Amino acid sequence: MNITRRQVIQSAGASALLASIGQTAWAQALDNLKIVTGFAAGGTSDTLCRRVGTRMTPDYAKSVQVENRTGAGGQIAIQYVKAAAPDGSTLLQTPTSMLTIYPHIYKKLPYEPLVDLSPVSLACAFDFGFAVGPAVPMTVKTVADFLAWAKANPLGANFGSPAAGSTPHFVGALLGKSAGVDLKHAAYRGTQPAMLDLLGGNVSAVSGPIGDITQHLATGKVRILGVSGARRSRFAPDVPTFSEQGLKDMTHSEWFAFLLPAKAPAEVVNRMHAALKVALAQKDVIDGLATFGLEAISSTPAELTELIRKDTAKWAPIVKSVGFTADA
């Protein structure tokens, strides 16, 4: 299966799906659904959970809570869901990095993605931006400018990302590697804490989801130097891609997904999948996610499983080339 950022769900198809399910399948709504994210409130992961959560009531559950179980770069949330009852009352929302990159950087990862979790559906896709703040001179306008400045100013040669070992971490590391610049990495519990440090001049740059960055452009203190997609982001159309700036091998996008605990019965997985597909298809959800630079997409559980396998294989040589290990 080829998943692209443009595969946005259409409401008409989802409405037909809901009709085909029939009201009897939804008659016994759960009392409560927990949607668990490993990242801080206010960021893209949290926003996705809350937008989708509003559409999971009252048919799937009478109430929905979003729990921000931050720490260990998203691992704490995954371990929490791993240990939860597989009854459909606890749902994990996570970026790809924790499922496809972490297995390459941790010798003793406390979970196995396709053993301890049951894939349900993709949720959204997005590109990354690389932005600088007040610590970097205004004369720096491109990625090449920043790398040259960082080389000449080693004390400022740093960047933040939402988590060590995450895709945006590797995006920043690969940018430095491309120019032979040792960019020091600062890991945060989500992109928003990193952006606050960027605005305060405590970190020179941030690599993170484009939507987490664009919401701070109004301050006048943040400048996006490049984006990671194959084409310019519709959320930052004036910003050139890394590829446009001569970095031909720097095309990386990300997806978020929903997963249940392992051993969730097929009927539980199917019911959750149907509810998510309907929720993600609603215009207010699609439009709301777009304000944060996210494009809603869905998949079947089987398609998500295959995508996890494919991307896990893709990241193996990239991780090796960067040389990062979380156990070092």
Protein backbone atom coordinates (compact mmCIF):
# COMPACT_ATOMS: atom_id res chain seq x y z
CA MET A 1 0.00 0.00 0.00
CA ASN A 2 1.26 3.47 -0.85
CA ILE A 3 0.15 6.02 1.74
CA THR A 4 0.39 9.65 0.65
CA ARG A 5 -0.36 12.93 2.36
CA ARG A 6 -3.11 13.59 -0.17
CA GLN A 7 -5.28 10.61 0.76
CA VAL A 8 -7.71 12.68 2.80
CA ILE A 9 -10.87 10.94 3.84
CA GLN A 10 -14.11 12.16 2.27
CA SER A 11 -17.18 12.58 4.46
CA ALA A 12 -19.53 10.89 2.00
CA GLY A 13 -17.63 7.62 2.08
CA ALA A 14 -17.46 7.68 5.85
CA SER A 15 -21.17 8.35 6.14
CA ALA A 16 -21.84 5.32 3.96
CA LEU A 17 -19.60 3.27 6.23
CA LEU A 18 -21.50 4.42 9.29
CA ALA A 19 -24.78 3.49 7.65
CA SER A 20 -23.43 0.05 6.76
CA ILE A 21 -22.40 -0.64 10.34
CA GLY A 22 -25.95 -0.31 11.52
CA GLN A 23 -27.18 1.13 14.76
CA THR A 24 -27.05 -2.18 16.64
CA ALA A 25 -23.24 -2.24 16.54
CA TRP A 26 -23.20 1.12 18.30
CA ALA A 27 -25.98 0.48 20.77
CA GLN A 28 -23.72 -0.29 23.72
CA ALA A 29 -21.40 2.67 23.95
CA LEU A 30 -18.53 2.42 26.43
CA ASP A 31 -18.75 4.59 29.52
CA ASN A 32 -15.35 6.13 28.85
CA LEU A 33 -12.58 6.10 26.26
CA LYS A 34 -9.02 7.16 27.09
CA ILE A 35 -6.93 8.43 24.17
CA VAL A 36 -3.32 8.39 25.29
CA THR A 37 -0.53 10.49 23.80
CA GLY A 38 3.09 10.65 24.89
CA PHE A 39 3.42 14.36 24.22
CA ALA A 40 2.50 17.61 25.92
CA ALA A 41 -0.76 19.51 25.65
CA GLY A 42 -0.87 22.08 22.87
CA GLY A 43 1.20 20.15 20.34
CA THR A 44 0.11 18.35 17.19
CA SER A 45 -0.27 14.95 18.84
CA ASP A 46 -2.44 16.35 21.62
CA THR A 47 -4.49 18.40 19.14
CA LEU A 48 -5.19 15.32 17.01
CA CYS A 49 -6.39 13.37 20.04
CA ARG A 50 -8.73 16.13 21.15
CA ARG A 51 -10.17 16.81 17.70
CA VAL A 52 -10.87 13.14 17.08
CA GLY A 53 -12.05 12.58 20.64
CA THR A 54 -14.90 15.05 20.22
CA ARG A 55 -16.26 12.85 17.42
CA MET A 56 -16.02 9.57 19.35
CA THR A 57 -18.97 10.54 21.55
CA PRO A 58 -21.69 9.55 22.09
CA ASP A 59 -21.70 6.58 19.70
CA TYR A 60 -18.41 4.92 20.65
CA ALA A 61 -18.15 6.14 24.24
CA LYS A 62 -20.24 8.33 26.53
CA SER A 63 -17.17 10.37 27.43
CA VAL A 64 -13.62 10.71 26.11
CA GLN A 65 -10.50 11.73 28.02
CA VAL A 66 -7.14 12.65 26.53
CA GLU A 67 -4.21 11.66 28.72
CA ASN A 68 -0.79 13.24 28.16
CA ARG A 69 1.60 10.62 29.53
CA THR A 70 4.83 12.38 28.60
CA GLY A 71 8.37 11.15 29.02
CA ALA A 72 10.97 8.86 27.46
CA GLY A 73 10.19 10.24 24.03
CA GLY A 74 6.72 8.72 23.90
CA GLN A 75 7.63 5.35 25.42
CA ILE A 76 5.75 5.92 28.68
CA ALA A 77 2.47 6.31 26.81
CA ILE A 78 3.11 3.18 24.78
CA GLN A 79 3.96 1.14 27.88
CA TYR A 80 0.80 2.39 29.55
CA VAL A 81 -1.37 1.28 26.64
CA LYS A 82 0.55 -1.98 26.31
CA ALA A 83 -0.51 -2.86 29.87
CA ALA A 84 -4.12 -1.74 29.47
CA ALA A 85 -7.07 -4.07 29.01
CA PRO A 86 -7.66 -4.85 25.30
CA ASP A 87 -11.34 -3.98 25.57
CA GLY A 88 -11.40 -0.85 23.42
CA SER A 89 -11.43 1.59 26.34
CA THR A 90 -7.78 2.67 25.98
CA LEU A 91 -6.42 3.91 22.66
CA LEU A 92 -2.86 4.96 21.83
CA GLN A 93 -2.10 7.78 19.44
CA THR A 94 1.56 7.96 18.48
CA PRO A 95 3.90 9.27 15.80
CA THR A 96 5.73 6.82 13.58
CA SER A 97 9.11 7.31 15.27
CA MET A 98 8.21 5.29 18.35
CA LEU A 99 7.19 2.35 16.15
CA THR A 100 9.67 2.41 13.27
CA ILE A 101 12.83 4.20 14.48
CA TYR A 102 13.06 3.32 18.17
CA PRO A 103 13.60 -0.40 17.44
CA HIS A 104 16.88 0.62 15.76
CA ILE A 105 18.19 2.92 18.51
CA TYR A 106 17.29 1.04 21.70
CA LYS A 107 18.86 -2.31 22.51
CA LYS A 108 16.19 -3.00 25.13
CA LEU A 109 13.04 -1.24 24.01
CA PRO A 110 10.30 -2.04 26.58
CA TYR A 111 7.80 -2.97 23.87
CA GLU A 112 7.62 -4.58 20.45
CA PRO A 113 5.34 -2.49 18.21
CA LEU A 114 3.64 -5.33 16.34
CA VAL A 115 3.67 -7.72 19.30
CA ASP A 116 2.43 -5.47 22.10
CA LEU A 117 0.07 -3.28 20.08
CA SER A 118 -2.80 -3.84 17.65
CA PRO A 119 -2.72 -1.40 14.70
CA VAL A 120 -6.10 0.20 14.00
CA SER A 121 -5.74 3.11 11.58
CA LEU A 122 -3.58 5.89 10.31
CA ALA A 123 -4.71 9.30 11.54
CA CYS A 124 -2.86 12.06 9.71
CA ALA A 125 0.30 12.92 7.81
CA PHE A 126 2.49 16.01 7.81
CA ASP A 127 5.90 17.45 6.96
CA PHE A 128 8.57 18.88 9.22
CA GLY A 129 9.92 22.37 9.34
CA PHE A 130 13.36 23.52 10.40
CA ALA A 131 13.09 26.89 12.11
CA VAL A 132 15.40 29.37 13.79
CA GLY A 133 14.70 32.00 16.43
CA PRO A 134 16.19 35.08 18.13
CA ALA A 135 19.52 33.37 18.85
CA VAL A 136 20.29 33.31 15.11
CA PRO A 137 21.07 36.51 13.14
CA MET A 138 18.41 37.79 10.73
CA THR A 139 20.94 37.44 7.92
CA VAL A 140 20.41 33.67 8.13
CA LYS A 141 17.64 32.99 5.61
CA THR A 142 18.31 29.48 4.23
CA VAL A 143 19.36 26.09 5.54
CA ALA A 144 22.79 26.60 4.00
CA ASP A 145 23.07 29.98 5.77
CA PHE A 146 22.27 28.35 9.10
CA LEU A 147 24.74 25.53 8.64
CA ALA A 148 27.48 28.01 7.69
CA TRP A 149 26.62 30.16 10.71
CA ALA A 150 26.59 27.11 13.00
CA LYS A 151 29.98 26.05 11.69
CA ALA A 152 31.40 29.49 12.49
CA ASN A 153 29.61 29.68 15.86
CA PRO A 154 29.93 26.26 17.52
CA LEU A 155 28.33 27.48 20.75
CA GLY A 156 25.15 28.13 18.80
CA ALA A 157 25.32 24.95 16.73
CA ASN A 158 22.30 23.27 18.28
CA PHE A 159 18.66 22.39 17.66
CA GLY A 160 15.72 21.02 19.59
CA SER A 161 13.21 18.34 18.67
CA PRO A 162 10.16 16.69 20.30
CA ALA A 163 12.13 13.60 21.38
CA ALA A 164 15.49 11.88 21.08
CA GLY A 165 15.32 9.31 18.30
CA SER A 166 12.25 10.88 16.71
CA THR A 167 11.99 11.65 13.00
CA PRO A 168 12.56 15.40 13.53
CA HIS A 169 15.66 14.56 15.58
CA PHE A 170 17.05 12.64 12.62
CA VAL A 171 16.03 15.41 10.22
CA GLY A 172 18.14 17.88 12.18
CA ALA A 173 21.03 15.44 12.54
CA LEU A 174 20.99 14.68 8.81
CA LEU A 175 21.06 18.41 8.01
CA GLY A 176 24.18 18.83 10.11
CA LYS A 177 25.75 15.72 8.64
CA SER A 178 25.16 17.02 5.11
CA ALA A 179 27.48 19.98 5.80
CA GLY A 180 29.87 18.35 8.22
CA VAL A 181 28.52 20.41 11.12
CA ASP A 182 28.14 18.91 14.58
CA LEU A 183 24.69 20.15 15.56
CA LYS A 184 24.09 19.41 19.22
CA HIS A 185 20.64 17.99 19.86
CA ALA A 186 18.32 18.95 22.70
CA ALA A 187 15.40 16.58 23.29
CA TYR A 188 12.13 17.95 24.67
CA ARG A 189 8.82 16.45 25.76
CA GLY A 190 7.06 17.59 22.62
CA THR A 191 7.63 20.38 20.13
CA GLN A 192 5.87 23.13 22.08
CA PRO A 193 8.40 23.13 24.96
CA ALA A 194 11.14 23.29 22.32
CA MET A 195 9.42 26.23 20.62
CA LEU A 196 9.22 28.11 23.92
CA ASP A 197 12.98 27.72 24.31
CA LEU A 198 13.45 28.81 20.70
CA LEU A 199 11.40 31.96 21.32
CA GLY A 200 13.44 32.62 24.46
CA GLY A 201 16.73 32.30 22.61
CA ASN A 202 17.78 29.26 24.62
CA VAL A 203 18.10 27.03 21.55
CA SER A 204 19.12 28.15 18.07
CA ALA A 205 16.79 26.02 15.96
CA VAL A 206 13.92 23.56 16.18
CA SER A 207 13.09 20.63 13.93
CA GLY A 208 9.45 19.71 14.33
CA PRO A 209 6.03 19.29 12.73
CA ILE A 210 5.27 22.21 10.45
CA GLY A 211 2.03 23.01 12.28
CA ASP A 212 3.80 23.30 15.63
CA ILE A 213 6.04 25.96 14.10
CA THR A 214 3.63 27.97 11.95
CA GLN A 215 1.45 28.84 14.93
CA HIS A 216 4.37 30.88 16.31
CA LEU A 217 5.14 32.86 13.15
CA ALA A 218 2.91 35.73 14.28
CA THR A 219 5.41 36.53 17.04
CA GLY A 220 7.88 37.69 14.39
CA LYS A 221 10.62 35.81 16.22
CA VAL A 222 10.50 32.55 14.27
CA ARG A 223 11.69 31.90 10.71
CA ILE A 224 11.21 28.60 8.89
CA LEU A 225 14.25 27.90 6.73
CA GLY A 226 13.08 24.72 5.02
CA VAL A 227 10.47 21.96 4.96
CA SER A 228 10.99 18.22 4.63
CA GLY A 229 8.27 17.22 2.17
CA ALA A 230 8.59 16.20 -1.45
CA ARG A 231 6.86 19.47 -2.36
CA ARG A 232 6.26 22.77 -0.59
CA SER A 233 3.82 22.59 2.28
CA ARG A 234 0.46 24.23 1.70
CA PHE A 235 0.79 25.45 5.28
CA ALA A 236 4.02 27.34 4.48
CA PRO A 237 3.96 27.81 0.70
CA ASP A 238 6.72 30.43 0.64
CA VAL A 239 9.24 28.14 2.32
CA PRO A 240 11.40 26.01 -0.03
CA THR A 241 11.84 22.30 0.57
CA PHE A 242 15.20 20.88 1.60
CA SER A 243 15.37 19.30 -1.84
CA GLU A 244 14.91 22.68 -3.52
CA GLN A 245 17.86 23.90 -1.47
CA GLY A 246 20.13 21.18 -2.84
CA LEU A 247 19.55 18.52 -0.16
CA LYS A 248 18.22 15.85 -2.52
CA ASP A 249 18.09 13.00 0.01
CA MET A 250 16.26 15.01 2.66
CA THR A 251 12.63 14.19 1.93
CA HIS A 252 10.88 12.93 5.06
CA SER A 253 7.25 13.08 6.11
CA GLU A 254 5.58 11.62 9.17
CA TRP A 255 2.33 9.95 10.05
CA PHE A 256 0.44 9.52 13.27
CA ALA A 257 -1.54 6.37 13.99
CA PHE A 258 -4.01 4.86 16.44
CA LEU A 259 -3.31 1.50 18.08
CA LEU A 260 -4.99 -0.65 20.71
CA PRO A 261 -3.32 -2.99 23.19
CA ALA A 262 -2.29 -6.37 21.81
CA LYS A 263 -4.81 -9.20 21.91
CA ALA A 264 -7.68 -6.83 21.28
CA PRO A 265 -10.39 -9.05 19.73
CA ALA A 266 -11.13 -8.55 16.05
CA GLU A 267 -14.56 -7.13 16.81
CA VAL A 268 -12.99 -4.51 19.12
CA VAL A 269 -10.41 -3.53 16.50
CA ASN A 270 -13.06 -3.34 13.79
CA ARG A 271 -15.42 -1.26 15.88
CA MET A 272 -12.63 1.16 16.82
CA HIS A 273 -11.50 1.37 13.20
CA ALA A 274 -15.02 2.18 12.02
CA ALA A 275 -15.45 4.87 14.68
CA LEU A 276 -12.09 6.47 13.86
CA LYS A 277 -12.75 6.46 10.14
CA VAL A 278 -16.04 8.26 10.66
CA ALA A 279 -14.47 10.74 13.13
CA LEU A 280 -11.56 11.57 10.82
CA ALA A 281 -13.94 12.14 7.92
CA GLN A 282 -15.88 14.96 9.55
CA LYS A 283 -15.28 18.35 7.97
CA ASP A 284 -14.73 20.10 11.29
CA VAL A 285 -12.05 17.55 12.20
CA ILE A 286 -10.34 17.81 8.79
CA ASP A 287 -10.43 21.62 8.89
CA GLY A 288 -9.38 21.73 12.54
CA LEU A 289 -6.37 19.49 11.92
CA ALA A 290 -5.42 21.58 8.89
CA THR A 291 -4.99 24.64 11.12
CA PHE A 292 -2.17 22.70 12.78
CA GLY A 293 -0.59 21.55 9.53
CA LEU A 294 -2.07 18.06 9.69
CA GLU A 295 -3.82 16.25 6.83
CA ALA A 296 -6.33 13.60 7.89
CA ILE A 297 -5.90 10.14 6.37
CA SER A 298 -7.00 6.66 7.37
CA SER A 299 -6.13 3.06 6.61
CA THR A 300 -7.27 -0.43 7.45
CA PRO A 301 -5.53 -2.24 10.32
CA ALA A 302 -3.77 -4.49 7.77
CA GLU A 303 -2.51 -1.50 5.78
CA LEU A 304 -1.16 0.17 8.91
CA THR A 305 0.60 -3.05 9.91
CA GLU A 306 2.30 -3.23 6.51
CA LEU A 307 3.29 0.44 6.67
CA ILE A 308 4.93 -0.06 10.07
CA ARG A 309 6.95 -2.96 8.67
CA LYS A 310 7.95 -1.01 5.56
CA ASP A 311 9.04 2.13 7.42
CA THR A 312 10.92 0.11 10.04
CA ALA A 313 13.04 -1.33 7.23
CA LYS A 314 13.47 2.12 5.62
CA TRP A 315 14.93 3.71 8.76
CA ALA A 316 17.50 1.00 9.52
CA PRO A 317 20.22 2.32 7.15
CA ILE A 318 19.43 5.97 7.99
CA VAL A 319 19.90 5.38 11.70
CA LYS A 320 23.13 3.54 11.01
CA SER A 321 24.48 6.39 8.88
CA VAL A 322 23.79 8.97 11.59
CA GLY A 323 25.29 6.72 14.26
CA PHE A 324 22.84 7.67 17.00
CA THR A 325 21.99 5.21 19.72
CA ALA A 326 19.87 5.93 22.77
CA ASP A 327 21.92 3.46 24.79
CA ALA A 328 25.21 5.34 24.32
